[in-house]
C-alpha cells in the first residue's frame, strides 16, 4: 500500500500518510496495522493529521487504538440498549455516571 512506508531507521517504524485518505483506504490501513478503530475514529484521526500537516507513525496509531479500545473507553457502555422496561441510553451514563454524581459529596 502506498500510504504506509517504512522509515529509514534501524528498527521497524512505519509512517502512514492519512492526509486526504478515503474511507476505503482508512479501512485498509486499519486492517494492515491490526487496528480495532471504527471508521468514525479513523476519520477523526485522519482529520487531526490533516490539520497537523504531517504523517502519522505506526506507534501513534497503535497508541490511539490502545487508548480508545473497548477496554479503556468502554464503547459498549455508550450504546442504546433495549430492555423490557424500555430504552436505556447508555449503561455508563444511566447507571454509573448518574450514581457517581448522586453520591458525590
PDB file of N, CA and C in Angstrom:
ATOM      1  N   UNK A   1       0.854  -1.175   0.000  1.00  0.00           N
ATOM      2  CA  UNK A   1       0.000   0.000   0.000  1.00  0.00           C
ATOM      3  C   UNK A   1       0.897   1.234   0.000  1.00  0.00           C
ATOM      4  N   UNK A   2       0.589   2.189  -0.836  1.00  0.00           N
ATOM      5  CA  UNK A   2       1.442   3.367  -0.995  1.00  0.00           C
ATOM      6  C   UNK A   2       1.370   4.329   0.179  1.00  0.00           C
ATOM      7  N   UNK A   3       0.342   4.248   0.994  1.00  0.00           N
ATOM      8  CA  UNK A   3       0.197   5.174   2.120  1.00  0.00           C
ATOM      9  C   UNK A   3       1.016   4.754   3.343  1.00  0.00           C
ATOM     10  N   UNK A   4       1.483   3.522   3.378  1.00  0.00           N
ATOM     11  CA  UNK A   4       2.273   3.033   4.513  1.00  0.00           C
ATOM     12  C   UNK A   4       3.684   2.736   4.017  1.00  0.00           C
ATOM     13  N   UNK A   5       4.666   3.372   4.632  1.00  0.00           N
ATOM     14  CA  UNK A   5       6.051   3.141   4.232  1.00  0.00           C
ATOM     15  C   UNK A   5       6.927   3.014   5.465  1.00  0.00           C
ATOM     16  N   UNK A   6       7.949   2.200   5.338  1.00  0.00           N
ATOM     17  CA  UNK A   6       8.881   2.006   6.450  1.00  0.00           C
ATOM     18  C   UNK A   6       9.867   3.171   6.498  1.00  0.00           C
ATOM     19  N   UNK A   7      10.058   3.715   7.687  1.00  0.00           N
ATOM     20  CA  UNK A   7      11.011   4.810   7.877  1.00  0.00           C
ATOM     21  C   UNK A   7      12.434   4.260   7.833  1.00  0.00           C
ATOM     22  N   UNK A   8      13.397   5.061   7.379  1.00  0.00           N
ATOM     23  CA  UNK A   8      14.786   4.593   7.295  1.00  0.00           C
ATOM     24  C   UNK A   8      15.476   4.605   8.659  1.00  0.00           C
ATOM     25  N   UNK A   9      15.091   3.678   9.496  1.00  0.00           N
ATOM     26  CA  UNK A   9      15.641   3.551  10.846  1.00  0.00           C
ATOM     27  C   UNK A   9      16.120   2.120  11.049  1.00  0.00           C
ATOM     28  N   UNK A  10      16.953   1.875  12.039  1.00  0.00           N
ATOM     29  CA  UNK A  10      17.468   0.516  12.259  1.00  0.00           C
ATOM     30  C   UNK A  10      16.464  -0.425  12.934  1.00  0.00           C
ATOM     31  N   UNK A  11      15.230   0.001  13.085  1.00  0.00           N
ATOM     32  CA  UNK A  11      14.190  -0.840  13.673  1.00  0.00           C
ATOM     33  C   UNK A  11      12.896  -0.585  12.909  1.00  0.00           C
ATOM     34  N   UNK A  12      11.937  -1.523  12.969  1.00  0.00           N
ATOM     35  CA  UNK A  12      10.679  -1.334  12.239  1.00  0.00           C
ATOM     36  C   UNK A  12       9.894  -0.134  12.774  1.00  0.00           C
ATOM     37  N   UNK A  13       9.667   0.830  11.928  1.00  0.00           N
ATOM     38  CA  UNK A  13       8.923   2.048  12.270  1.00  0.00           C
ATOM     39  C   UNK A  13       8.309   2.542  10.975  1.00  0.00           C
ATOM     40  N   UNK A  14       6.992   2.616  10.954  1.00  0.00           N
ATOM     41  CA  UNK A  14       6.314   2.972   9.713  1.00  0.00           C
ATOM     42  C   UNK A  14       5.650   4.334   9.829  1.00  0.00           C
ATOM     43  N   UNK A  15       5.661   5.049   8.713  1.00  0.00           N
ATOM     44  CA  UNK A  15       4.964   6.322   8.605  1.00  0.00           C
ATOM     45  C   UNK A  15       3.743   6.104   7.729  1.00  0.00           C
ATOM     46  N   UNK A  16       2.606   6.620   8.163  1.00  0.00           N
ATOM     47  CA  UNK A  16       1.352   6.404   7.463  1.00  0.00           C
ATOM     48  C   UNK A  16       0.798   7.756   7.054  1.00  0.00           C
ATOM     49  N   UNK A  17       0.599   7.927   5.755  1.00  0.00           N
ATOM     50  CA  UNK A  17       0.059   9.179   5.238  1.00  0.00           C
ATOM     51  C   UNK A  17      -1.463   9.096   5.226  1.00  0.00           C
ATOM     52  N   UNK A  18      -2.075   9.582   6.278  1.00  0.00           N
ATOM     53  CA  UNK A  18      -3.531   9.573   6.397  1.00  0.00           C
ATOM     54  C   UNK A  18      -4.169  10.774   5.705  1.00  0.00           C
ATOM     55  N   UNK A  19      -3.362  11.781   5.419  1.00  0.00           N
ATOM     56  CA  UNK A  19      -3.882  13.041   4.889  1.00  0.00           C
ATOM     57  C   UNK A  19      -4.639  12.812   3.590  1.00  0.00           C
ATOM     58  N   UNK A  20      -5.921  13.163   3.610  1.00  0.00           N
ATOM     59  CA  UNK A  20      -6.765  13.018   2.438  1.00  0.00           C
ATOM     60  C   UNK A  20      -7.189  11.597   2.134  1.00  0.00           C
ATOM     61  N   UNK A  21      -6.926  10.659   3.022  1.00  0.00           N
ATOM     62  CA  UNK A  21      -7.279   9.251   2.776  1.00  0.00           C
ATOM     63  C   UNK A  21      -8.794   9.078   2.720  1.00  0.00           C
ATOM     64  N   UNK A  22      -9.243   8.301   1.755  1.00  0.00           N
ATOM     65  CA  UNK A  22     -10.659   7.968   1.607  1.00  0.00           C
ATOM     66  C   UNK A  22     -11.022   6.859   2.595  1.00  0.00           C
ATOM     67  N   UNK A  23     -12.324   6.650   2.791  1.00  0.00           N
ATOM     68  CA  UNK A  23     -12.799   5.640   3.742  1.00  0.00           C
ATOM     69  C   UNK A  23     -12.203   4.260   3.472  1.00  0.00           C
ATOM     70  N   UNK A  24     -12.186   3.845   2.215  1.00  0.00           N
ATOM     71  CA  UNK A  24     -11.641   2.533   1.874  1.00  0.00           C
ATOM     72  C   UNK A  24     -10.171   2.405   2.238  1.00  0.00           C
ATOM     73  N   UNK A  25      -9.424   3.479   2.043  1.00  0.00           N
ATOM     74  CA  UNK A  25      -8.004   3.469   2.402  1.00  0.00           C
ATOM     75  C   UNK A  25      -7.830   3.409   3.912  1.00  0.00           C
ATOM     76  N   UNK A  26      -8.672   4.128   4.649  1.00  0.00           N
ATOM     77  CA  UNK A  26      -8.598   4.091   6.115  1.00  0.00           C
ATOM     78  C   UNK A  26      -8.855   2.681   6.631  1.00  0.00           C
ATOM     79  N   UNK A  27      -9.849   2.024   6.052  1.00  0.00           N
ATOM     80  CA  UNK A  27     -10.177   0.652   6.454  1.00  0.00           C
ATOM     81  C   UNK A  27      -9.014  -0.286   6.120  1.00  0.00           C
ATOM     82  N   UNK A  28      -8.405  -0.085   4.962  1.00  0.00           N
ATOM     83  CA  UNK A  28      -7.263  -0.915   4.558  1.00  0.00           C
ATOM     84  C   UNK A  28      -6.065  -0.690   5.485  1.00  0.00           C
ATOM     85  N   UNK A  29      -5.809   0.556   5.843  1.00  0.00           N
ATOM     86  CA  UNK A  29      -4.715   0.879   6.764  1.00  0.00           C
ATOM     87  C   UNK A  29      -4.957   0.215   8.117  1.00  0.00           C
ATOM     88  N   UNK A  30      -6.189   0.321   8.619  1.00  0.00           N
ATOM     89  CA  UNK A  30      -6.523  -0.284   9.912  1.00  0.00           C
ATOM     90  C   UNK A  30      -6.313  -1.793   9.870  1.00  0.00           C
ATOM     91  N   UNK A  31      -6.721  -2.425   8.783  1.00  0.00           N
ATOM     92  CA  UNK A  31      -6.546  -3.877   8.656  1.00  0.00           C
ATOM     93  C   UNK A  31      -5.064  -4.241   8.581  1.00  0.00           C
ATOM     94  N   UNK A  32      -4.304  -3.482   7.819  1.00  0.00           N
ATOM     95  CA  UNK A  32      -2.876  -3.744   7.663  1.00  0.00           C
ATOM     96  C   UNK A  32      -2.134  -3.633   8.990  1.00  0.00           C
ATOM     97  N   UNK A  33      -2.525  -2.659   9.812  1.00  0.00           N
ATOM     98  CA  UNK A  33      -1.857  -2.430  11.095  1.00  0.00           C
ATOM     99  C   UNK A  33      -2.528  -3.159  12.262  1.00  0.00           C
ATOM    100  N   UNK A  34      -3.632  -3.856  11.987  1.00  0.00           N
ATOM    101  CA  UNK A  34      -4.333  -4.583  13.043  1.00  0.00           C
ATOM    102  C   UNK A  34      -5.024  -3.674  14.037  1.00  0.00           C
ATOM    103  N   UNK A  35      -5.541  -2.538  13.557  1.00  0.00           N
ATOM    104  CA  UNK A  35      -6.204  -1.579  14.442  1.00  0.00           C
ATOM    105  C   UNK A  35      -7.679  -1.930  14.604  1.00  0.00           C
ATOM    106  N   UNK A  36      -8.206  -1.747  15.792  1.00  0.00           N
ATOM    107  CA  UNK A  36      -9.613  -2.002  16.062  1.00  0.00           C
ATOM    108  C   UNK A  36     -10.442  -0.731  16.075  1.00  0.00           C
ATOM    109  N   UNK A  37      -9.967   0.301  15.411  1.00  0.00           N
ATOM    110  CA  UNK A  37     -10.661   1.588  15.403  1.00  0.00           C
ATOM    111  C   UNK A  37     -11.829   1.559  14.424  1.00  0.00           C
ATOM    112  N   UNK A  38     -12.902   2.259  14.772  1.00  0.00           N
ATOM    113  CA  UNK A  38     -14.051   2.368  13.879  1.00  0.00           C
ATOM    114  C   UNK A  38     -13.723   3.348  12.753  1.00  0.00           C
ATOM    115  N   UNK A  39     -14.536   3.335  11.708  1.00  0.00           N
ATOM    116  CA  UNK A  39     -14.334   4.265  10.606  1.00  0.00           C
ATOM    117  C   UNK A  39     -14.460   5.705  11.097  1.00  0.00           C
ATOM    118  N   UNK A  40     -15.404   5.957  11.981  1.00  0.00           N
ATOM    119  CA  UNK A  40     -15.568   7.303  12.546  1.00  0.00           C
ATOM    120  C   UNK A  40     -14.298   7.742  13.286  1.00  0.00           C
ATOM    121  N   UNK A  41     -13.711   6.842  14.063  1.00  0.00           N
ATOM    122  CA  UNK A  41     -12.475   7.153  14.781  1.00  0.00           C
ATOM    123  C   UNK A  41     -11.317   7.385  13.815  1.00  0.00           C
ATOM    124  N   UNK A  42     -11.244   6.552  12.787  1.00  0.00           N
ATOM    125  CA  UNK A  42     -10.196   6.714  11.782  1.00  0.00           C
ATOM    126  C   UNK A  42     -10.319   8.055  11.070  1.00  0.00           C
ATOM    127  N   UNK A  43     -11.543   8.446  10.765  1.00  0.00           N
ATOM    128  CA  UNK A  43     -11.752   9.760  10.132  1.00  0.00           C
ATOM    129  C   UNK A  43     -11.284  10.885  11.043  1.00  0.00           C
ATOM    130  N   UNK A  44     -11.587  10.770  12.315  1.00  0.00           N
ATOM    131  CA  UNK A  44     -11.175  11.787  13.282  1.00  0.00           C
ATOM    132  C   UNK A  44      -9.652  11.893  13.353  1.00  0.00           C
ATOM    133  N   UNK A  45      -8.987  10.759  13.372  1.00  0.00           N
ATOM    134  CA  UNK A  45      -7.524  10.739  13.411  1.00  0.00           C
ATOM    135  C   UNK A  45      -6.961  11.310  12.112  1.00  0.00           C
ATOM    136  N   UNK A  46      -7.548  10.927  10.977  1.00  0.00           N
ATOM    137  CA  UNK A  46      -7.114  11.471   9.684  1.00  0.00           C
ATOM    138  C   UNK A  46      -7.234  12.995   9.671  1.00  0.00           C
ATOM    139  N   UNK A  47      -8.364  13.502  10.155  1.00  0.00           N
ATOM    140  CA  UNK A  47      -8.577  14.949  10.188  1.00  0.00           C
ATOM    141  C   UNK A  47      -7.547  15.636  11.076  1.00  0.00           C
ATOM    142  N   UNK A  48      -7.193  14.988  12.170  1.00  0.00           N
ATOM    143  CA  UNK A  48      -6.176  15.533  13.076  1.00  0.00           C
ATOM    144  C   UNK A  48      -4.834  15.674  12.351  1.00  0.00           C
ATOM    145  N   UNK A  49      -4.441  14.636  11.626  1.00  0.00           N
ATOM    146  CA  UNK A  49      -3.167  14.691  10.908  1.00  0.00           C
ATOM    147  C   UNK A  49      -3.239  15.613   9.695  1.00  0.00           C
ATOM    148  N   UNK A  50      -4.429  15.763   9.109  1.00  0.00           N
ATOM    149  CA  UNK A  50      -4.609  16.778   8.067  1.00  0.00           C
ATOM    150  C   UNK A  50      -4.289  18.155   8.644  1.00  0.00           C
ATOM    151  N   UNK A  51      -4.818  18.426   9.842  1.00  0.00           N
ATOM    152  CA  UNK A  51      -4.572  19.719  10.496  1.00  0.00           C
ATOM    153  C   UNK A  51      -3.107  19.898  10.882  1.00  0.00           C
ATOM    154  N   UNK A  52      -2.463  18.816  11.306  1.00  0.00           N
ATOM    155  CA  UNK A  52      -1.043  18.896  11.661  1.00  0.00           C
ATOM    156  C   UNK A  52      -0.150  19.044  10.429  1.00  0.00           C
ATOM    157  N   UNK A  53      -0.640  18.561   9.297  1.00  0.00           N
ATOM    158  CA  UNK A  53       0.134  18.633   8.067  1.00  0.00           C
ATOM    159  C   UNK A  53       1.305  17.669   8.023  1.00  0.00           C
ATOM    160  N   UNK A  54       1.151  16.509   8.667  1.00  0.00           N
ATOM    161  CA  UNK A  54       2.233  15.523   8.660  1.00  0.00           C
ATOM    162  C   UNK A  54       1.673  14.113   8.684  1.00  0.00           C
ATOM    163  N   UNK A  55       2.568  13.161   8.464  1.00  0.00           N
ATOM    164  CA  UNK A  55       2.200  11.759   8.521  1.00  0.00           C
ATOM    165  C   UNK A  55       2.104  11.303   9.975  1.00  0.00           C
ATOM    166  N   UNK A  56       1.366  10.237  10.178  1.00  0.00           N
ATOM    167  CA  UNK A  56       1.291   9.594  11.495  1.00  0.00           C
ATOM    168  C   UNK A  56       2.303   8.457  11.519  1.00  0.00           C
ATOM    169  N   UNK A  57       2.735   8.089  12.695  1.00  0.00           N
ATOM    170  CA  UNK A  57       3.591   6.901  12.806  1.00  0.00           C
ATOM    171  C   UNK A  57       2.727   5.719  13.236  1.00  0.00           C
ATOM    172  N   UNK A  58       3.241   4.524  12.979  1.00  0.00           N
ATOM    173  CA  UNK A  58       2.521   3.335  13.426  1.00  0.00           C
ATOM    174  C   UNK A  58       2.395   3.329  14.946  1.00  0.00           C
ATOM    175  N   UNK A  59       3.387   3.856  15.635  1.00  0.00           N
ATOM    176  CA  UNK A  59       3.351   3.920  17.101  1.00  0.00           C
ATOM    177  C   UNK A  59       2.211   4.831  17.562  1.00  0.00           C
ATOM    178  N   UNK A  60       2.047   5.969  16.896  1.00  0.00           N
ATOM    179  CA  UNK A  60       0.960   6.880  17.259  1.00  0.00           C
ATOM    180  C   UNK A  60      -0.399   6.231  17.030  1.00  0.00           C
ATOM    181  N   UNK A  61      -0.552   5.563  15.894  1.00  0.00           N
ATOM    182  CA  UNK A  61      -1.837   4.922  15.602  1.00  0.00           C
ATOM    183  C   UNK A  61      -2.122   3.778  16.566  1.00  0.00           C
ATOM    184  N   UNK A  62      -1.095   3.018  16.934  1.00  0.00           N
ATOM    185  CA  UNK A  62      -1.276   1.954  17.924  1.00  0.00           C
ATOM    186  C   UNK A  62      -1.660   2.545  19.281  1.00  0.00           C
ATOM    187  N   UNK A  63      -1.137   3.721  19.593  1.00  0.00           N
ATOM    188  CA  UNK A  63      -1.488   4.383  20.852  1.00  0.00           C
ATOM    189  C   UNK A  63      -2.953   4.789  20.857  1.00  0.00           C
ATOM    190  N   UNK A  64      -3.426   5.371  19.744  1.00  0.00           N
ATOM    191  CA  UNK A  64      -4.859   5.686  19.643  1.00  0.00           C
ATOM    192  C   UNK A  64      -5.686   4.418  19.792  1.00  0.00           C
ATOM    193  N   UNK A  65      -5.271   3.377  19.104  1.00  0.00           N
ATOM    194  CA  UNK A  65      -6.001   2.112  19.149  1.00  0.00           C
ATOM    195  C   UNK A  65      -6.087   1.580  20.574  1.00  0.00           C
ATOM    196  N   UNK A  66      -4.990   1.663  21.286  1.00  0.00           N
ATOM    197  CA  UNK A  66      -4.935   1.168  22.669  1.00  0.00           C
ATOM    198  C   UNK A  66      -5.797   2.014  23.601  1.00  0.00           C
ATOM    199  N   UNK A  67      -5.647   3.331  23.521  1.00  0.00           N
ATOM    200  CA  UNK A  67      -6.357   4.199  24.475  1.00  0.00           C
ATOM    201  C   UNK A  67      -7.834   4.339  24.148  1.00  0.00           C
ATOM    202  N   UNK A  68      -8.207   4.144  22.894  1.00  0.00           N
ATOM    203  CA  UNK A  68      -9.616   4.229  22.523  1.00  0.00           C
ATOM    204  C   UNK A  68     -10.259   2.849  22.446  1.00  0.00           C
ATOM    205  N   UNK A  69      -9.580   1.839  22.961  1.00  0.00           N
ATOM    206  CA  UNK A  69     -10.078   0.472  22.857  1.00  0.00           C
ATOM    207  C   UNK A  69     -11.305   0.254  23.733  1.00  0.00           C
ATOM    208  N   UNK A  70     -11.942  -0.848  23.486  1.00  0.00           N
ATOM    209  CA  UNK A  70     -13.107  -1.247  24.284  1.00  0.00           C
ATOM    210  C   UNK A  70     -12.754  -1.290  25.763  1.00  0.00           C
ATOM    211  N   UNK A  71     -11.590  -1.835  26.075  1.00  0.00           N
ATOM    212  CA  UNK A  71     -11.184  -1.977  27.474  1.00  0.00           C
ATOM    213  C   UNK A  71     -11.054  -0.623  28.167  1.00  0.00           C
ATOM    214  N   UNK A  72     -10.438   0.330  27.497  1.00  0.00           N
ATOM    215  CA  UNK A  72     -10.182   1.624  28.137  1.00  0.00           C
ATOM    216  C   UNK A  72     -11.348   2.587  27.998  1.00  0.00           C
ATOM    217  N   UNK A  73     -12.034   2.535  26.889  1.00  0.00           N
ATOM    218  CA  UNK A  73     -13.048   3.544  26.587  1.00  0.00           C
ATOM    219  C   UNK A  73     -14.469   3.051  26.852  1.00  0.00           C
ATOM    220  N   UNK A  74     -14.658   1.757  26.947  1.00  0.00           N
ATOM    221  CA  UNK A  74     -15.962   1.154  27.217  1.00  0.00           C
ATOM    222  C   UNK A  74     -17.027   1.631  26.232  1.00  0.00           C
ATOM    223  N   UNK A  75     -16.768   1.385  24.941  1.00  0.00           N
ATOM    224  CA  UNK A  75     -17.693   1.812  23.894  1.00  0.00           C
ATOM    225  C   UNK A  75     -19.081   1.213  24.082  1.00  0.00           C
ATOM    226  N   UNK A  76     -19.148  -0.037  24.528  1.00  0.00           N
ATOM    227  CA  UNK A  76     -20.458  -0.660  24.677  1.00  0.00           C
ATOM    228  C   UNK A  76     -21.279   0.012  25.760  1.00  0.00           C
ATOM    229  N   UNK A  77     -20.625   0.677  26.678  1.00  0.00           N
ATOM    230  CA  UNK A  77     -21.358   1.388  27.722  1.00  0.00           C
ATOM    231  C   UNK A  77     -22.098   2.597  27.172  1.00  0.00           C
ATOM    232  N   UNK A  78     -21.752   3.042  25.963  1.00  0.00           N
ATOM    233  CA  UNK A  78     -22.350   4.246  25.397  1.00  0.00           C
ATOM    234  C   UNK A  78     -23.546   3.942  24.499  1.00  0.00           C
ATOM    235  N   UNK A  79     -23.770   2.689  24.160  1.00  0.00           N
ATOM    236  CA  UNK A  79     -24.805   2.340  23.200  1.00  0.00           C
ATOM    237  C   UNK A  79     -26.210   2.358  23.778  1.00  0.00           C
ATOM    238  N   UNK A  80     -27.182   2.398  22.879  1.00  0.00           N
ATOM    239  CA  UNK A  80     -28.584   2.286  23.272  1.00  0.00           C
ATOM    240  C   UNK A  80     -28.903   0.818  23.507  1.00  0.00           C
ATOM    241  N   UNK A  81     -29.609   0.537  24.597  1.00  0.00           N
ATOM    242  CA  UNK A  81     -29.943  -0.837  24.949  1.00  0.00           C
ATOM    243  C   UNK A  81     -31.446  -0.932  25.132  1.00  0.00           C
ATOM    244  N   UNK A  82     -32.029  -1.878  24.409  1.00  0.00           N
ATOM    245  CA  UNK A  82     -33.468  -2.086  24.501  1.00  0.00           C
ATOM    246  C   UNK A  82     -33.738  -3.149  25.562  1.00  0.00           C
ATOM    247  N   UNK A  83     -34.551  -2.799  26.564  1.00  0.00           N
ATOM    248  CA  UNK A  83     -34.912  -3.722  27.635  1.00  0.00           C
ATOM    249  C   UNK A  83     -36.432  -3.849  27.677  1.00  0.00           C
ATOM    250  N   UNK A  84     -36.959  -4.851  28.373  1.00  0.00           N
ATOM    251  CA  UNK A  84     -38.415  -4.963  28.503  1.00  0.00           C
ATOM    252  C   UNK A  84     -39.043  -3.721  29.151  1.00  0.00           C
ATOM    253  N   UNK A  85     -38.260  -3.025  29.972  1.00  0.00           N
ATOM    254  CA  UNK A  85     -38.770  -1.826  30.650  1.00  0.00           C
ATOM    255  C   UNK A  85     -38.648  -0.569  29.794  1.00  0.00           C
ATOM    256  N   UNK A  86     -37.954  -0.656  28.681  1.00  0.00           N
ATOM    257  CA  UNK A  86     -37.774   0.500  27.804  1.00  0.00           C
ATOM    258  C   UNK A  86     -36.346   0.638  27.326  1.00  0.00           C
ATOM    259  N   UNK A  87     -36.064   1.763  26.701  1.00  0.00           N
ATOM    260  CA  UNK A  87     -34.755   2.028  26.123  1.00  0.00           C
ATOM    261  C   UNK A  87     -33.825   2.652  27.154  1.00  0.00           C
ATOM    262  N   UNK A  88     -32.612   2.127  27.258  1.00  0.00           N
ATOM    263  CA  UNK A  88     -31.584   2.670  28.150  1.00  0.00           C
ATOM    264  C   UNK A  88     -30.576   3.398  27.267  1.00  0.00           C
ATOM    265  N   UNK A  89     -30.378   4.684  27.524  1.00  0.00           N
ATOM    266  CA  UNK A  89     -29.461   5.499  26.727  1.00  0.00           C
ATOM    267  C   UNK A  89     -28.057   5.410  27.310  1.00  0.00           C
ATOM    268  N   UNK A  90     -27.427   4.269  27.108  1.00  0.00           N
ATOM    269  CA  UNK A  90     -26.056   4.066  27.558  1.00  0.00           C
ATOM    270  C   UNK A  90     -25.965   3.619  29.000  1.00  0.00           C
ATOM    271  N   UNK A  91     -25.347   2.463  29.203  1.00  0.00           N
ATOM    272  CA  UNK A  91     -25.168   1.936  30.560  1.00  0.00           C
ATOM    273  C   UNK A  91     -24.334   2.871  31.418  1.00  0.00           C
ATOM    274  N   UNK A  92     -23.275   3.411  30.835  1.00  0.00           N
ATOM    275  CA  UNK A  92     -22.391   4.273  31.620  1.00  0.00           C
ATOM    276  C   UNK A  92     -23.140   5.501  32.118  1.00  0.00           C
ATOM    277  N   UNK A  93     -23.774   6.220  31.214  1.00  0.00           N
ATOM    278  CA  UNK A  93     -24.455   7.463  31.577  1.00  0.00           C
ATOM    279  C   UNK A  93     -25.630   7.197  32.523  1.00  0.00           C
ATOM    280  N   UNK A  94     -26.375   6.133  32.265  1.00  0.00           N
ATOM    281  CA  UNK A  94     -27.584   5.854  33.037  1.00  0.00           C
ATOM    282  C   UNK A  94     -27.296   5.277  34.416  1.00  0.00           C
ATOM    283  N   UNK A  95     -26.367   4.338  34.484  1.00  0.00           N
ATOM    284  CA  UNK A  95     -26.183   3.615  35.742  1.00  0.00           C
ATOM    285  C   UNK A  95     -24.900   3.940  36.497  1.00  0.00           C
ATOM    286  N   UNK A  96     -23.858   4.301  35.823  1.00  0.00           N
ATOM    287  CA  UNK A  96     -22.584   4.539  36.509  1.00  0.00           C
ATOM    288  C   UNK A  96     -22.384   6.022  36.785  1.00  0.00           C
ATOM    289  N   UNK A  97     -22.373   6.820  35.736  1.00  0.00           N
ATOM    290  CA  UNK A  97     -22.129   8.257  35.894  1.00  0.00           C
ATOM    291  C   UNK A  97     -23.188   8.912  36.779  1.00  0.00           C
ATOM    292  N   UNK A  98     -24.451   8.559  36.539  1.00  0.00           N
ATOM    293  CA  UNK A  98     -25.549   9.162  37.306  1.00  0.00           C
ATOM    294  C   UNK A  98     -25.408   8.859  38.795  1.00  0.00           C
ATOM    295  N   UNK A  99     -25.111   7.615  39.126  1.00  0.00           N
ATOM    296  CA  UNK A  99     -24.975   7.217  40.532  1.00  0.00           C
ATOM    297  C   UNK A  99     -23.774   7.906  41.175  1.00  0.00           C
ATOM    298  N   UNK A 100     -22.660   7.967  40.458  1.00  0.00           N
ATOM    299  CA  UNK A 100     -21.472   8.643  40.997  1.00  0.00           C
ATOM    300  C   UNK A 100     -21.783  10.108  41.266  1.00  0.00           C
ATOM    301  N   UNK A 101     -22.484  10.754  40.353  1.00  0.00           N
ATOM    302  CA  UNK A 101     -22.833  12.164  40.551  1.00  0.00           C
ATOM    303  C   UNK A 101     -23.782  12.341  41.737  1.00  0.00           C
ATOM    304  N   UNK A 102     -24.702  11.401  41.922  1.00  0.00           N
ATOM    305  CA  UNK A 102     -25.623  11.471  43.062  1.00  0.00           C
ATOM    306  C   UNK A 102     -24.890  11.271  44.384  1.00  0.00           C
ATOM    307  N   UNK A 103     -23.865  10.421  44.384  1.00  0.00           N
ATOM    308  CA  UNK A 103     -23.134  10.123  45.614  1.00  0.00           C
ATOM    309  C   UNK A 103     -22.018  11.119  45.909  1.00  0.00           C
ATOM    310  N   UNK A 104     -21.661  11.912  44.934  1.00  0.00           N
ATOM    311  CA  UNK A 104     -20.562  12.868  45.108  1.00  0.00           C
ATOM    312  C   UNK A 104     -20.940  13.884  46.188  1.00  0.00           C
ATOM    313  N   UNK A 105     -20.053  14.043  47.197  1.00  0.00           N
ATOM    314  CA  UNK A 105     -20.373  14.989  48.288  1.00  0.00           C
ATOM    315  C   UNK A 105     -20.318  16.435  47.823  1.00  0.00           C
TER     316      UNK A 105
END
